[in-house]
Amino acid sequence: MTRHFPIVIEQDANGVFIVDCPLIQGCRSYGVTMDEAIANIREAIEACLPGEAPGENTTFIGIRDLEIAVP
């Protein structure tokens, strides 16, 4: 059986890729390369699965950009 997990990938000012799985609270990782970051988040998600993480019965809707004026 396979399950699909959405991930959000960002890159910080130093070029490090930060990866988050929004379906699992606190499930984040990083990598110097995109491949390393994806391998690391896969490992983090798999580590959360035996206890069935919160949000297991949720449906991913999407990611949106929010624009906020800052002083």
C-alpha atoms as a PDB file:
ATOM      1  CA  MET A   1       0.000   0.000   0.000  1.00  0.00           C
ATOM      2  CA  THR A   2       1.210   3.504  -0.753  1.00  0.00           C
ATOM      3  CA  ARG A   3       0.028   6.876   0.494  1.00  0.00           C
ATOM      4  CA  HIS A   4       0.664  10.291  -0.951  1.00  0.00           C
ATOM      5  CA  PHE A   5       2.004  13.095   1.238  1.00  0.00           C
ATOM      6  CA  PRO A   6       2.204  16.672  -0.022  1.00  0.00           C
ATOM      7  CA  ILE A   7       5.404  18.516   0.809  1.00  0.00           C
ATOM      8  CA  VAL A   8       6.285  22.199   0.740  1.00  0.00           C
ATOM      9  CA  ILE A   9       9.814  23.076  -0.380  1.00  0.00           C
ATOM     10  CA  GLU A  10      11.461  26.424   0.338  1.00  0.00           C
ATOM     11  CA  GLN A  11      15.018  27.641  -0.021  1.00  0.00           C
ATOM     12  CA  ASP A  12      16.617  29.884   2.595  1.00  0.00           C
ATOM     13  CA  ALA A  13      19.088  32.716   2.031  1.00  0.00           C
ATOM     14  CA  ASN A  14      22.009  30.289   2.333  1.00  0.00           C
ATOM     15  CA  GLY A  15      20.641  27.983  -0.376  1.00  0.00           C
ATOM     16  CA  VAL A  16      19.496  25.248   2.029  1.00  0.00           C
ATOM     17  CA  PHE A  17      16.230  23.520   1.054  1.00  0.00           C
ATOM     18  CA  ILE A  18      13.662  23.452   3.884  1.00  0.00           C
ATOM     19  CA  VAL A  19      10.912  20.833   3.472  1.00  0.00           C
ATOM     20  CA  ASP A  20       7.641  20.524   5.390  1.00  0.00           C
ATOM     21  CA  CYS A  21       4.856  17.929   5.291  1.00  0.00           C
ATOM     22  CA  PRO A  22       1.699  19.897   6.201  1.00  0.00           C
ATOM     23  CA  LEU A  23      -0.316  16.755   6.967  1.00  0.00           C
ATOM     24  CA  ILE A  24       1.953  15.857   9.889  1.00  0.00           C
ATOM     25  CA  GLN A  25       2.375  18.538  12.528  1.00  0.00           C
ATOM     26  CA  GLY A  26       6.043  19.351  13.101  1.00  0.00           C
ATOM     27  CA  CYS A  27       7.293  17.106  10.273  1.00  0.00           C
ATOM     28  CA  ARG A  28      10.110  19.160   8.771  1.00  0.00           C
ATOM     29  CA  SER A  29      13.559  18.518   7.396  1.00  0.00           C
ATOM     30  CA  TYR A  30      16.190  20.107   5.214  1.00  0.00           C
ATOM     31  CA  GLY A  31      19.009  19.356   2.807  1.00  0.00           C
ATOM     32  CA  VAL A  32      21.840  21.086   1.019  1.00  0.00           C
ATOM     33  CA  THR A  33      20.487  19.753  -2.288  1.00  0.00           C
ATOM     34  CA  MET A  34      16.895  19.202  -3.385  1.00  0.00           C
ATOM     35  CA  ASP A  35      17.488  15.432  -3.583  1.00  0.00           C
ATOM     36  CA  GLU A  36      18.909  15.370  -0.056  1.00  0.00           C
ATOM     37  CA  ALA A  37      15.992  17.420   1.285  1.00  0.00           C
ATOM     38  CA  ILE A  38      13.424  15.093  -0.313  1.00  0.00           C
ATOM     39  CA  ALA A  39      15.239  11.994   0.971  1.00  0.00           C
ATOM     40  CA  ASN A  40      15.310  13.522   4.458  1.00  0.00           C
ATOM     41  CA  ILE A  41      11.596  14.438   4.504  1.00  0.00           C
ATOM     42  CA  ARG A  42      10.746  10.938   3.255  1.00  0.00           C
ATOM     43  CA  GLU A  43      12.656   9.526   6.238  1.00  0.00           C
ATOM     44  CA  ALA A  44      10.913  11.948   8.614  1.00  0.00           C
ATOM     45  CA  ILE A  45       7.453  11.016   7.281  1.00  0.00           C
ATOM     46  CA  GLU A  46       8.232   7.291   7.547  1.00  0.00           C
ATOM     47  CA  ALA A  47       9.343   7.813  11.155  1.00  0.00           C
ATOM     48  CA  CYS A  48       5.945   9.334  11.959  1.00  0.00           C
ATOM     49  CA  LEU A  49       3.880   6.583  10.327  1.00  0.00           C
ATOM     50  CA  PRO A  50       4.012   3.724  12.880  1.00  0.00           C
ATOM     51  CA  GLY A  51       2.000   5.809  15.361  1.00  0.00           C
ATOM     52  CA  GLU A  52      -0.223   7.281  12.645  1.00  0.00           C
ATOM     53  CA  ALA A  53       0.380  10.985  12.887  1.00  0.00           C
ATOM     54  CA  PRO A  54      -2.306  13.595  13.572  1.00  0.00           C
ATOM     55  CA  GLY A  55      -4.015  14.631  10.372  1.00  0.00           C
ATOM     56  CA  GLU A  56      -3.994  11.130   8.887  1.00  0.00           C
ATOM     57  CA  ASN A  57      -7.617  11.506   7.820  1.00  0.00           C
ATOM     58  CA  THR A  58      -7.243  14.957   6.314  1.00  0.00           C
ATOM     59  CA  THR A  59      -7.256  15.869   2.646  1.00  0.00           C
ATOM     60  CA  PHE A  60      -4.595  18.186   1.287  1.00  0.00           C
ATOM     61  CA  ILE A  61      -6.208  21.142  -0.474  1.00  0.00           C
ATOM     62  CA  GLY A  62      -3.241  23.180  -1.635  1.00  0.00           C
ATOM     63  CA  ILE A  63      -0.700  25.871  -0.934  1.00  0.00           C
ATOM     64  CA  ARG A  64      -1.466  29.547  -1.401  1.00  0.00           C
ATOM     65  CA  ASP A  65       0.591  32.692  -1.300  1.00  0.00           C
ATOM     66  CA  LEU A  66      -0.527  35.346   1.184  1.00  0.00           C
ATOM     67  CA  GLU A  67       0.550  38.935   0.613  1.00  0.00           C
ATOM     68  CA  ILE A  68       0.761  41.166   3.707  1.00  0.00           C
ATOM     69  CA  ALA A  69       1.910  44.786   3.838  1.00  0.00           C
ATOM     70  CA  VAL A  70       4.701  45.207   6.374  1.00  0.00           C
ATOM     71  CA  PRO A  71       6.015  48.510   7.708  1.00  0.00           C
END
